[in-house]
């Protein structure tokens, strides 16, 4: 786990996060950001599914 943490830190280019508890404001910001990213990910996956279904429908109708 330590290696993964260090790898992630080096990939992100951030210094290690302090060990103190994040403030309520930071928690709220992180939660909002997480929700935003999850929403975008779900939209992206739905687009891929729709595109795949259109392709499949076009192949079966010919």
PDB file of N, CA and C in Angstrom:
ATOM      1  N   UNK A   1       0.815  -1.201   0.000  1.00  0.00           N
ATOM      2  CA  UNK A   1       0.000   0.000   0.000  1.00  0.00           C
ATOM      3  C   UNK A   1       0.854   1.259   0.000  1.00  0.00           C
ATOM      4  N   UNK A   2       1.933   1.227   0.727  1.00  0.00           N
ATOM      5  CA  UNK A   2       2.787   2.408   0.800  1.00  0.00           C
ATOM      6  C   UNK A   2       3.297   2.769  -0.583  1.00  0.00           C
ATOM      7  N   UNK A   3       3.666   1.764  -1.367  1.00  0.00           N
ATOM      8  CA  UNK A   3       4.172   2.018  -2.712  1.00  0.00           C
ATOM      9  C   UNK A   3       3.095   2.650  -3.576  1.00  0.00           C
ATOM     10  N   UNK A   4       1.873   2.122  -3.497  1.00  0.00           N
ATOM     11  CA  UNK A   4       0.772   2.691  -4.273  1.00  0.00           C
ATOM     12  C   UNK A   4       0.534   4.142  -3.889  1.00  0.00           C
ATOM     13  N   UNK A   5       0.544   4.417  -2.599  1.00  0.00           N
ATOM     14  CA  UNK A   5       0.331   5.778  -2.131  1.00  0.00           C
ATOM     15  C   UNK A   5       1.393   6.715  -2.655  1.00  0.00           C
ATOM     16  N   UNK A   6       2.629   6.275  -2.617  1.00  0.00           N
ATOM     17  CA  UNK A   6       3.722   7.101  -3.113  1.00  0.00           C
ATOM     18  C   UNK A   6       3.629   7.271  -4.615  1.00  0.00           C
ATOM     19  N   UNK A   7       3.253   6.207  -5.323  1.00  0.00           N
ATOM     20  CA  UNK A   7       3.111   6.293  -6.767  1.00  0.00           C
ATOM     21  C   UNK A   7       2.016   7.286  -7.120  1.00  0.00           C
ATOM     22  N   UNK A   8       0.886   7.185  -6.438  1.00  0.00           N
ATOM     23  CA  UNK A   8      -0.216   8.093  -6.688  1.00  0.00           C
ATOM     24  C   UNK A   8       0.207   9.526  -6.404  1.00  0.00           C
ATOM     25  N   UNK A   9       0.909   9.732  -5.303  1.00  0.00           N
ATOM     26  CA  UNK A   9       1.386  11.068  -4.958  1.00  0.00           C
ATOM     27  C   UNK A   9       2.297  11.602  -6.051  1.00  0.00           C
ATOM     28  N   UNK A  10       3.209  10.774  -6.532  1.00  0.00           N
ATOM     29  CA  UNK A  10       4.136  11.242  -7.561  1.00  0.00           C
ATOM     30  C   UNK A  10       3.405  11.493  -8.870  1.00  0.00           C
ATOM     31  N   UNK A  11       2.408  10.679  -9.188  1.00  0.00           N
ATOM     32  CA  UNK A  11       1.651  10.878 -10.419  1.00  0.00           C
ATOM     33  C   UNK A  11       0.835  12.165 -10.372  1.00  0.00           C
ATOM     34  N   UNK A  12       0.274  12.446  -9.217  1.00  0.00           N
ATOM     35  CA  UNK A  12      -0.548  13.640  -9.079  1.00  0.00           C
ATOM     36  C   UNK A  12       0.290  14.898  -8.876  1.00  0.00           C
ATOM     37  N   UNK A  13       1.526  14.705  -8.493  1.00  0.00           N
ATOM     38  CA  UNK A  13       2.409  15.846  -8.294  1.00  0.00           C
ATOM     39  C   UNK A  13       2.115  16.630  -7.034  1.00  0.00           C
ATOM     40  N   UNK A  14       1.463  16.012  -6.082  1.00  0.00           N
ATOM     41  CA  UNK A  14       1.156  16.687  -4.824  1.00  0.00           C
ATOM     42  C   UNK A  14       2.081  16.171  -3.737  1.00  0.00           C
ATOM     43  N   UNK A  15       2.290  17.022  -2.778  1.00  0.00           N
ATOM     44  CA  UNK A  15       3.030  16.545  -1.609  1.00  0.00           C
ATOM     45  C   UNK A  15       2.056  15.727  -0.770  1.00  0.00           C
ATOM     46  N   UNK A  16       2.557  14.883   0.094  1.00  0.00           N
ATOM     47  CA  UNK A  16       1.642  14.080   0.921  1.00  0.00           C
ATOM     48  C   UNK A  16       0.680  14.968   1.705  1.00  0.00           C
ATOM     49  N   UNK A  17      -0.553  14.552   1.770  1.00  0.00           N
ATOM     50  CA  UNK A  17      -1.586  15.314   2.472  1.00  0.00           C
ATOM     51  C   UNK A  17      -1.306  15.249   3.966  1.00  0.00           C
ATOM     52  N   UNK A  18      -1.580  16.336   4.641  1.00  0.00           N
ATOM     53  CA  UNK A  18      -1.332  16.356   6.078  1.00  0.00           C
ATOM     54  C   UNK A  18      -2.206  15.310   6.760  1.00  0.00           C
ATOM     55  N   UNK A  19      -1.747  14.843   7.897  1.00  0.00           N
ATOM     56  CA  UNK A  19      -2.467  13.786   8.602  1.00  0.00           C
ATOM     57  C   UNK A  19      -3.595  14.335   9.465  1.00  0.00           C
ATOM     58  N   UNK A  20      -3.759  15.653   9.509  1.00  0.00           N
ATOM     59  CA  UNK A  20      -4.855  16.226  10.284  1.00  0.00           C
ATOM     60  C   UNK A  20      -6.170  15.979   9.552  1.00  0.00           C
ATOM     61  N   UNK A  21      -7.264  15.984  10.311  1.00  0.00           N
ATOM     62  CA  UNK A  21      -8.577  15.764   9.712  1.00  0.00           C
ATOM     63  C   UNK A  21      -8.919  16.933   8.797  1.00  0.00           C
ATOM     64  N   UNK A  22      -9.503  16.634   7.633  1.00  0.00           N
ATOM     65  CA  UNK A  22      -9.896  17.733   6.749  1.00  0.00           C
ATOM     66  C   UNK A  22     -11.023  18.553   7.389  1.00  0.00           C
ATOM     67  N   UNK A  23     -11.031  19.820   7.092  1.00  0.00           N
ATOM     68  CA  UNK A  23     -12.067  20.687   7.651  1.00  0.00           C
ATOM     69  C   UNK A  23     -13.416  20.343   7.024  1.00  0.00           C
ATOM     70  N   UNK A  24     -14.478  20.813   7.640  1.00  0.00           N
ATOM     71  CA  UNK A  24     -15.822  20.574   7.112  1.00  0.00           C
ATOM     72  C   UNK A  24     -15.956  21.179   5.719  1.00  0.00           C
ATOM     73  N   UNK A  25     -15.360  22.347   5.513  1.00  0.00           N
ATOM     74  CA  UNK A  25     -15.435  22.993   4.203  1.00  0.00           C
ATOM     75  C   UNK A  25     -14.744  22.136   3.147  1.00  0.00           C
ATOM     76  N   UNK A  26     -13.570  21.624   3.491  1.00  0.00           N
ATOM     77  CA  UNK A  26     -12.840  20.780   2.535  1.00  0.00           C
ATOM     78  C   UNK A  26     -13.615  19.487   2.263  1.00  0.00           C
ATOM     79  N   UNK A  27     -14.206  18.906   3.305  1.00  0.00           N
ATOM     80  CA  UNK A  27     -15.010  17.692   3.118  1.00  0.00           C
ATOM     81  C   UNK A  27     -16.158  17.959   2.154  1.00  0.00           C
ATOM     82  N   UNK A  28     -16.823  19.111   2.334  1.00  0.00           N
ATOM     83  CA  UNK A  28     -17.953  19.465   1.482  1.00  0.00           C
ATOM     84  C   UNK A  28     -17.494  19.635   0.036  1.00  0.00           C
ATOM     85  N   UNK A  29     -16.376  20.329  -0.142  1.00  0.00           N
ATOM     86  CA  UNK A  29     -15.837  20.543  -1.488  1.00  0.00           C
ATOM     87  C   UNK A  29     -15.481  19.208  -2.135  1.00  0.00           C
ATOM     88  N   UNK A  30     -14.834  18.339  -1.376  1.00  0.00           N
ATOM     89  CA  UNK A  30     -14.448  17.032  -1.912  1.00  0.00           C
ATOM     90  C   UNK A  30     -15.679  16.201  -2.273  1.00  0.00           C
ATOM     91  N   UNK A  31     -16.702  16.248  -1.446  1.00  0.00           N
ATOM     92  CA  UNK A  31     -17.930  15.499  -1.722  1.00  0.00           C
ATOM     93  C   UNK A  31     -18.619  16.039  -2.975  1.00  0.00           C
ATOM     94  N   UNK A  32     -18.674  17.363  -3.115  1.00  0.00           N
ATOM     95  CA  UNK A  32     -19.278  17.958  -4.307  1.00  0.00           C
ATOM     96  C   UNK A  32     -18.501  17.566  -5.559  1.00  0.00           C
ATOM     97  N   UNK A  33     -17.193  17.592  -5.456  1.00  0.00           N
ATOM     98  CA  UNK A  33     -16.352  17.217  -6.595  1.00  0.00           C
ATOM     99  C   UNK A  33     -16.552  15.743  -6.943  1.00  0.00           C
ATOM    100  N   UNK A  34     -16.630  14.899  -5.934  1.00  0.00           N
ATOM    101  CA  UNK A  34     -16.860  13.473  -6.172  1.00  0.00           C
ATOM    102  C   UNK A  34     -18.196  13.254  -6.875  1.00  0.00           C
ATOM    103  N   UNK A  35     -19.232  13.931  -6.404  1.00  0.00           N
ATOM    104  CA  UNK A  35     -20.555  13.800  -7.022  1.00  0.00           C
ATOM    105  C   UNK A  35     -20.526  14.267  -8.472  1.00  0.00           C
ATOM    106  N   UNK A  36     -19.807  15.362  -8.732  1.00  0.00           N
ATOM    107  CA  UNK A  36     -19.708  15.890 -10.094  1.00  0.00           C
ATOM    108  C   UNK A  36     -19.026  14.882 -11.015  1.00  0.00           C
ATOM    109  N   UNK A  37     -17.940  14.300 -10.536  1.00  0.00           N
ATOM    110  CA  UNK A  37     -17.184  13.344 -11.346  1.00  0.00           C
ATOM    111  C   UNK A  37     -18.001  12.076 -11.590  1.00  0.00           C
ATOM    112  N   UNK A  38     -18.702  11.597 -10.560  1.00  0.00           N
ATOM    113  CA  UNK A  38     -19.537  10.403 -10.721  1.00  0.00           C
ATOM    114  C   UNK A  38     -20.624  10.670 -11.757  1.00  0.00           C
ATOM    115  N   UNK A  39     -21.236  11.847 -11.700  1.00  0.00           N
ATOM    116  CA  UNK A  39     -22.287  12.207 -12.657  1.00  0.00           C
ATOM    117  C   UNK A  39     -21.735  12.226 -14.083  1.00  0.00           C
ATOM    118  N   UNK A  40     -20.569  12.839 -14.262  1.00  0.00           N
ATOM    119  CA  UNK A  40     -19.950  12.875 -15.586  1.00  0.00           C
ATOM    120  C   UNK A  40     -19.609  11.475 -16.078  1.00  0.00           C
ATOM    121  N   UNK A  41     -19.098  10.646 -15.187  1.00  0.00           N
ATOM    122  CA  UNK A  41     -18.752   9.267 -15.552  1.00  0.00           C
ATOM    123  C   UNK A  41     -19.999   8.506 -15.996  1.00  0.00           C
ATOM    124  N   UNK A  42     -21.085   8.657 -15.261  1.00  0.00           N
ATOM    125  CA  UNK A  42     -22.326   7.964 -15.622  1.00  0.00           C
ATOM    126  C   UNK A  42     -22.862   8.456 -16.961  1.00  0.00           C
ATOM    127  N   UNK A  43     -22.767   9.765 -17.212  1.00  0.00           N
ATOM    128  CA  UNK A  43     -23.205  10.302 -18.498  1.00  0.00           C
ATOM    129  C   UNK A  43     -22.365   9.731 -19.634  1.00  0.00           C
ATOM    130  N   UNK A  44     -21.058   9.654 -19.419  1.00  0.00           N
ATOM    131  CA  UNK A  44     -20.154   9.118 -20.430  1.00  0.00           C
ATOM    132  C   UNK A  44     -20.501   7.656 -20.727  1.00  0.00           C
ATOM    133  N   UNK A  45     -20.718   6.861 -19.679  1.00  0.00           N
ATOM    134  CA  UNK A  45     -21.048   5.454 -19.877  1.00  0.00           C
ATOM    135  C   UNK A  45     -22.394   5.303 -20.588  1.00  0.00           C
ATOM    136  N   UNK A  46     -23.355   6.152 -20.262  1.00  0.00           N
ATOM    137  CA  UNK A  46     -24.665   6.083 -20.914  1.00  0.00           C
ATOM    138  C   UNK A  46     -24.531   6.410 -22.401  1.00  0.00           C
ATOM    139  N   UNK A  47     -23.707   7.397 -22.732  1.00  0.00           N
ATOM    140  CA  UNK A  47     -23.463   7.731 -24.140  1.00  0.00           C
ATOM    141  C   UNK A  47     -22.864   6.544 -24.872  1.00  0.00           C
ATOM    142  N   UNK A  48     -21.909   5.878 -24.227  1.00  0.00           N
ATOM    143  CA  UNK A  48     -21.284   4.703 -24.848  1.00  0.00           C
ATOM    144  C   UNK A  48     -22.318   3.605 -25.069  1.00  0.00           C
ATOM    145  N   UNK A  49     -23.191   3.389 -24.082  1.00  0.00           N
ATOM    146  CA  UNK A  49     -24.236   2.366 -24.225  1.00  0.00           C
ATOM    147  C   UNK A  49     -25.187   2.728 -25.357  1.00  0.00           C
ATOM    148  N   UNK A  50     -25.609   4.003 -25.404  1.00  0.00           N
ATOM    149  CA  UNK A  50     -26.525   4.451 -26.453  1.00  0.00           C
ATOM    150  C   UNK A  50     -25.901   4.262 -27.832  1.00  0.00           C
ATOM    151  N   UNK A  51     -24.640   4.635 -27.952  1.00  0.00           N
ATOM    152  CA  UNK A  51     -23.927   4.503 -29.220  1.00  0.00           C
ATOM    153  C   UNK A  51     -23.850   3.031 -29.630  1.00  0.00           C
ATOM    154  N   UNK A  52     -23.554   2.178 -28.673  1.00  0.00           N
ATOM    155  CA  UNK A  52     -23.445   0.740 -28.925  1.00  0.00           C
ATOM    156  C   UNK A  52     -24.801   0.175 -29.357  1.00  0.00           C
ATOM    157  N   UNK A  53     -25.867   0.614 -28.688  1.00  0.00           N
ATOM    158  CA  UNK A  53     -27.214   0.151 -29.032  1.00  0.00           C
ATOM    159  C   UNK A  53     -27.606   0.609 -30.430  1.00  0.00           C
ATOM    160  N   UNK A  54     -27.268   1.846 -30.791  1.00  0.00           N
ATOM    161  CA  UNK A  54     -27.579   2.353 -32.129  1.00  0.00           C
ATOM    162  C   UNK A  54     -26.857   1.524 -33.181  1.00  0.00           C
ATOM    163  N   UNK A  55     -25.610   1.216 -32.902  1.00  0.00           N
ATOM    164  CA  UNK A  55     -24.810   0.411 -33.827  1.00  0.00           C
ATOM    165  C   UNK A  55     -25.437  -0.974 -33.987  1.00  0.00           C
ATOM    166  N   UNK A  56     -25.818  -1.578 -32.868  1.00  0.00           N
ATOM    167  CA  UNK A  56     -26.427  -2.906 -32.894  1.00  0.00           C
ATOM    168  C   UNK A  56     -27.767  -2.868 -33.641  1.00  0.00           C
ATOM    169  N   UNK A  57     -28.571  -1.836 -33.398  1.00  0.00           N
ATOM    170  CA  UNK A  57     -29.868  -1.708 -34.057  1.00  0.00           C
ATOM    171  C   UNK A  57     -29.688  -1.538 -35.563  1.00  0.00           C
ATOM    172  N   UNK A  58     -28.682  -0.777 -35.966  1.00  0.00           N
ATOM    173  CA  UNK A  58     -28.417  -0.566 -37.388  1.00  0.00           C
ATOM    174  C   UNK A  58     -27.998  -1.877 -38.051  1.00  0.00           C
ATOM    175  N   UNK A  59     -27.242  -2.690 -37.336  1.00  0.00           N
ATOM    176  CA  UNK A  59     -26.773  -3.962 -37.902  1.00  0.00           C
ATOM    177  C   UNK A  59     -27.920  -4.967 -38.036  1.00  0.00           C
ATOM    178  N   UNK A  60     -28.839  -4.978 -37.092  1.00  0.00           N
ATOM    179  CA  UNK A  60     -29.934  -5.948 -37.140  1.00  0.00           C
ATOM    180  C   UNK A  60     -31.029  -5.527 -38.105  1.00  0.00           C
ATOM    181  N   UNK A  61     -31.154  -4.238 -38.382  1.00  0.00           N
ATOM    182  CA  UNK A  61     -32.217  -3.775 -39.282  1.00  0.00           C
ATOM    183  C   UNK A  61     -31.858  -3.968 -40.748  1.00  0.00           C
ATOM    184  N   UNK A  62     -30.600  -4.197 -41.058  1.00  0.00           N
ATOM    185  CA  UNK A  62     -30.204  -4.375 -42.469  1.00  0.00           C
ATOM    186  C   UNK A  62     -30.296  -5.816 -42.896  1.00  0.00           C
TER     187      UNK A  62
END
